[in-house]
C-alpha atoms as a PDB file:
ATOM      1  CA  UNK A   1      66.769 -32.428  30.085  1.00  0.00           C
ATOM      2  CA  UNK A   2      69.811 -33.253  31.772  1.00  0.00           C
ATOM      3  CA  UNK A   3      69.068 -34.803  35.363  1.00  0.00           C
ATOM      4  CA  UNK A   4      69.305 -33.060  38.908  1.00  0.00           C
ATOM      5  CA  UNK A   5      71.808 -35.634  40.449  1.00  0.00           C
ATOM      6  CA  UNK A   6      74.279 -35.076  36.577  1.00  0.00           C
ATOM      7  CA  UNK A   7      73.498 -31.389  36.786  1.00  0.00           C
ATOM      8  CA  UNK A   8      74.491 -30.722  40.482  1.00  0.00           C
ATOM      9  CA  UNK A   9      77.634 -32.715  39.687  1.00  0.00           C
ATOM     10  CA  UNK A  10      78.778 -31.300  36.450  1.00  0.00           C
ATOM     11  CA  UNK A  11      78.718 -27.679  38.762  1.00  0.00           C
ATOM     12  CA  UNK A  12      80.784 -28.831  41.328  1.00  0.00           C
ATOM     13  CA  UNK A  13      83.520 -30.043  38.900  1.00  0.00           C
ATOM     14  CA  UNK A  14      82.813 -26.703  37.225  1.00  0.00           C
ATOM     15  CA  UNK A  15      83.595 -24.933  40.637  1.00  0.00           C
ATOM     16  CA  UNK A  16      86.500 -27.211  41.631  1.00  0.00           C
ATOM     17  CA  UNK A  17      88.248 -26.326  38.272  1.00  0.00           C
ATOM     18  CA  UNK A  18      88.342 -22.304  38.697  1.00  0.00           C
ATOM     19  CA  UNK A  19      88.637 -23.006  42.948  1.00  0.00           C
ATOM     20  CA  UNK A  20      92.280 -22.175  44.449  1.00  0.00           C
ATOM     21  CA  UNK A  21      93.868 -24.823  46.202  1.00  0.00           C
ATOM     22  CA  UNK A  22      97.301 -25.807  47.520  1.00  0.00           C
ATOM     23  CA  UNK A  23      98.056 -28.439  44.969  1.00  0.00           C
ATOM     24  CA  UNK A  24      96.915 -27.738  41.402  1.00  0.00           C
ATOM     25  CA  UNK A  25      94.046 -29.835  39.997  1.00  0.00           C
ATOM     26  CA  UNK A  26      91.886 -30.425  37.026  1.00  0.00           C
ATOM     27  CA  UNK A  27      88.249 -31.922  37.653  1.00  0.00           C
ATOM     28  CA  UNK A  28      87.026 -34.352  35.407  1.00  0.00           C
ATOM     29  CA  UNK A  29      83.415 -34.983  35.222  1.00  0.00           C
ATOM     30  CA  UNK A  30      82.458 -38.851  35.199  1.00  0.00           C
ATOM     31  CA  UNK A  31      79.579 -41.089  35.583  1.00  0.00           C
ATOM     32  CA  UNK A  32      82.073 -43.488  37.860  1.00  0.00           C
ATOM     33  CA  UNK A  33      85.337 -43.611  39.324  1.00  0.00           C
ATOM     34  CA  UNK A  34      88.339 -46.005  38.799  1.00  0.00           C
ATOM     35  CA  UNK A  35      89.217 -47.035  42.089  1.00  0.00           C
ATOM     36  CA  UNK A  36      92.969 -47.867  40.793  1.00  0.00           C
ATOM     37  CA  UNK A  37      94.969 -45.517  38.996  1.00  0.00           C
ATOM     38  CA  UNK A  38      97.706 -46.608  36.748  1.00  0.00           C
ATOM     39  CA  UNK A  39     101.417 -45.869  37.064  1.00  0.00           C
ATOM     40  CA  UNK A  40     102.293 -42.486  37.766  1.00  0.00           C
ATOM     41  CA  UNK A  41     102.618 -39.689  40.071  1.00  0.00           C
ATOM     42  CA  UNK A  42      99.773 -37.310  38.693  1.00  0.00           C
ATOM     43  CA  UNK A  43      97.110 -36.261  41.113  1.00  0.00           C
ATOM     44  CA  UNK A  44      93.393 -37.409  40.006  1.00  0.00           C
ATOM     45  CA  UNK A  45      90.340 -35.534  41.292  1.00  0.00           C
ATOM     46  CA  UNK A  46      87.123 -37.424  39.757  1.00  0.00           C
ATOM     47  CA  UNK A  47      83.698 -35.679  40.497  1.00  0.00           C
ATOM     48  CA  UNK A  48      80.495 -38.200  40.395  1.00  0.00           C
ATOM     49  CA  UNK A  49      76.795 -38.003  40.380  1.00  0.00           C
ATOM     50  CA  UNK A  50      76.281 -41.089  43.214  1.00  0.00           C
ATOM     51  CA  UNK A  51      72.471 -40.219  44.313  1.00  0.00           C
ATOM     52  CA  UNK A  52      69.266 -38.351  44.719  1.00  0.00           C
ATOM     53  CA  UNK A  53      66.500 -38.857  47.207  1.00  0.00           C
ATOM     54  CA  UNK A  54      63.044 -37.459  47.142  1.00  0.00           C
ATOM     55  CA  UNK A  55      60.308 -36.204  49.215  1.00  0.00           C
ATOM     56  CA  UNK A  56      57.596 -33.915  49.102  1.00  0.00           C
ATOM     57  CA  UNK A  57      58.671 -30.188  50.018  1.00  0.00           C
ATOM     58  CA  UNK A  58      55.192 -29.158  49.513  1.00  0.00           C
ATOM     59  CA  UNK A  59      51.960 -29.210  48.290  1.00  0.00           C
ATOM     60  CA  UNK A  60      53.594 -28.169  44.747  1.00  0.00           C
ATOM     61  CA  UNK A  61      57.382 -28.891  44.885  1.00  0.00           C
ATOM     62  CA  UNK A  62      59.644 -32.053  45.790  1.00  0.00           C
ATOM     63  CA  UNK A  63      62.932 -32.027  47.439  1.00  0.00           C
ATOM     64  CA  UNK A  64      65.523 -33.372  45.737  1.00  0.00           C
ATOM     65  CA  UNK A  65      68.735 -34.536  48.417  1.00  0.00           C
ATOM     66  CA  UNK A  66      71.360 -35.079  45.706  1.00  0.00           C
ATOM     67  CA  UNK A  67      74.923 -36.402  46.209  1.00  0.00           C
ATOM     68  CA  UNK A  68      77.846 -35.825  44.120  1.00  0.00           C
ATOM     69  CA  UNK A  69      81.253 -38.064  45.296  1.00  0.00           C
ATOM     70  CA  UNK A  70      84.359 -36.420  44.645  1.00  0.00           C
ATOM     71  CA  UNK A  71      87.603 -39.112  44.241  1.00  0.00           C
ATOM     72  CA  UNK A  72      90.896 -37.544  45.017  1.00  0.00           C
ATOM     73  CA  UNK A  73      93.391 -40.372  44.034  1.00  0.00           C
ATOM     74  CA  UNK A  74      97.252 -40.157  43.952  1.00  0.00           C
ATOM     75  CA  UNK A  75      99.942 -42.599  43.086  1.00  0.00           C
ATOM     76  CA  UNK A  76     102.384 -42.829  46.160  1.00  0.00           C
ATOM     77  CA  UNK A  77     105.217 -44.299  43.806  1.00  0.00           C
ATOM     78  CA  UNK A  78     108.673 -45.422  44.895  1.00  0.00           C
ATOM     79  CA  UNK A  79     108.442 -42.486  48.304  1.00  0.00           C
ATOM     80  CA  UNK A  80     107.340 -42.783  51.623  1.00  0.00           C
ATOM     81  CA  UNK A  81     103.870 -41.111  53.271  1.00  0.00           C
ATOM     82  CA  UNK A  82     105.522 -37.770  53.408  1.00  0.00           C
ATOM     83  CA  UNK A  83     102.752 -37.330  50.520  1.00  0.00           C
ATOM     84  CA  UNK A  84      99.802 -37.955  52.615  1.00  0.00           C
ATOM     85  CA  UNK A  85      99.587 -34.544  54.927  1.00  0.00           C
ATOM     86  CA  UNK A  86      99.590 -32.110  52.007  1.00  0.00           C
ATOM     87  CA  UNK A  87      97.120 -34.723  50.428  1.00  0.00           C
ATOM     88  CA  UNK A  88      94.864 -34.833  53.830  1.00  0.00           C
ATOM     89  CA  UNK A  89      95.272 -30.472  53.587  1.00  0.00           C
ATOM     90  CA  UNK A  90      93.862 -30.585  49.936  1.00  0.00           C
ATOM     91  CA  UNK A  91      90.602 -33.135  51.200  1.00  0.00           C
ATOM     92  CA  UNK A  92      90.174 -30.624  54.134  1.00  0.00           C
ATOM     93  CA  UNK A  93      90.188 -27.179  51.437  1.00  0.00           C
ATOM     94  CA  UNK A  94      87.994 -29.446  48.910  1.00  0.00           C
ATOM     95  CA  UNK A  95      85.890 -30.263  51.974  1.00  0.00           C
ATOM     96  CA  UNK A  96      85.541 -26.641  52.807  1.00  0.00           C
ATOM     97  CA  UNK A  97      85.460 -24.673  50.214  1.00  0.00           C
ATOM     98  CA  UNK A  98      81.660 -26.415  49.407  1.00  0.00           C
ATOM     99  CA  UNK A  99      80.646 -25.329  52.996  1.00  0.00           C
ATOM    100  CA  UNK A 100      77.885 -23.489  53.218  1.00  0.00           C
ATOM    101  CA  UNK A 101      78.230 -22.823  49.390  1.00  0.00           C
ATOM    102  CA  UNK A 102      75.851 -22.400  46.499  1.00  0.00           C
ATOM    103  CA  UNK A 103      76.738 -23.526  42.960  1.00  0.00           C
ATOM    104  CA  UNK A 104      77.542 -20.808  40.454  1.00  0.00           C
ATOM    105  CA  UNK A 105      76.112 -23.317  37.702  1.00  0.00           C
ATOM    106  CA  UNK A 106      73.279 -24.435  39.657  1.00  0.00           C
ATOM    107  CA  UNK A 107      72.153 -21.994  42.243  1.00  0.00           C
ATOM    108  CA  UNK A 108      69.357 -23.516  43.079  1.00  0.00           C
ATOM    109  CA  UNK A 109      71.375 -26.195  44.650  1.00  0.00           C
ATOM    110  CA  UNK A 110      72.165 -25.829  48.561  1.00  0.00           C
ATOM    111  CA  UNK A 111      74.858 -27.291  50.121  1.00  0.00           C
ATOM    112  CA  UNK A 112      73.290 -29.423  53.255  1.00  0.00           C
ATOM    113  CA  UNK A 113      76.414 -31.846  54.123  1.00  0.00           C
ATOM    114  CA  UNK A 114      79.553 -33.572  53.256  1.00  0.00           C
ATOM    115  CA  UNK A 115      80.928 -36.680  54.970  1.00  0.00           C
ATOM    116  CA  UNK A 116      84.497 -38.342  54.051  1.00  0.00           C
ATOM    117  CA  UNK A 117      83.863 -41.985  52.999  1.00  0.00           C
ATOM    118  CA  UNK A 118      87.061 -42.857  53.717  1.00  0.00           C
ATOM    119  CA  UNK A 119      89.815 -40.266  54.858  1.00  0.00           C
ATOM    120  CA  UNK A 120      92.172 -42.511  53.552  1.00  0.00           C
ATOM    121  CA  UNK A 121      91.234 -45.822  52.203  1.00  0.00           C
ATOM    122  CA  UNK A 122      93.702 -48.159  53.635  1.00  0.00           C
ATOM    123  CA  UNK A 123      92.829 -50.893  51.773  1.00  0.00           C
ATOM    124  CA  UNK A 124      94.352 -48.658  48.427  1.00  0.00           C
ATOM    125  CA  UNK A 125      97.364 -47.152  50.944  1.00  0.00           C
ATOM    126  CA  UNK A 126      98.435 -50.758  51.716  1.00  0.00           C
ATOM    127  CA  UNK A 127      97.649 -52.796  48.569  1.00  0.00           C
ATOM    128  CA  UNK A 128      97.790 -50.024  45.510  1.00  0.00           C
ATOM    129  CA  UNK A 129     100.307 -47.606  47.357  1.00  0.00           C
ATOM    130  CA  UNK A 130      97.983 -45.328  46.291  1.00  0.00           C
ATOM    131  CA  UNK A 131      96.497 -41.989  48.318  1.00  0.00           C
ATOM    132  CA  UNK A 132      92.007 -42.328  47.824  1.00  0.00           C
ATOM    133  CA  UNK A 133      89.639 -40.208  49.706  1.00  0.00           C
ATOM    134  CA  UNK A 134      86.476 -39.621  49.118  1.00  0.00           C
ATOM    135  CA  UNK A 135      84.698 -36.781  49.819  1.00  0.00           C
ATOM    136  CA  UNK A 136      80.397 -37.089  49.400  1.00  0.00           C
ATOM    137  CA  UNK A 137      78.716 -33.734  49.163  1.00  0.00           C
ATOM    138  CA  UNK A 138      75.263 -33.324  49.767  1.00  0.00           C
ATOM    139  CA  UNK A 139      72.974 -30.584  48.122  1.00  0.00           C
ATOM    140  CA  UNK A 140      69.218 -30.027  48.445  1.00  0.00           C
ATOM    141  CA  UNK A 141      67.465 -28.782  45.449  1.00  0.00           C
ATOM    142  CA  UNK A 142      63.669 -28.225  45.749  1.00  0.00           C
ATOM    143  CA  UNK A 143      61.486 -27.589  42.635  1.00  0.00           C
END
């Protein structure tokens, strides 16, 4: 049996794969994401199961609050920061994409919120010349 948090994260990756976004990408499911990218200008979107909290929902059911991270990263290369606006636009598209959404491959997961942690990592921007943004999406599953 697959864990709830991994199943929800895989369903998020599946939804992103078929979604239409202004900048095309192929999401990758992983159990962790690398913070530093190798040289190159490819966009990397990694979906990671981050955490789960459990609480009683009724006499016979528990509520699982599942958090999934979507890491959006791209090296800036030799260019300037003009690429930041389109990448921030992509982050907002991903945020909006899951708002009020149930996952097709895990429909019992109900979206409960999204946070950007951070919108842009200043450390990565300055130290690695890399755009890094982390979208933390929360879902509730009652079983």
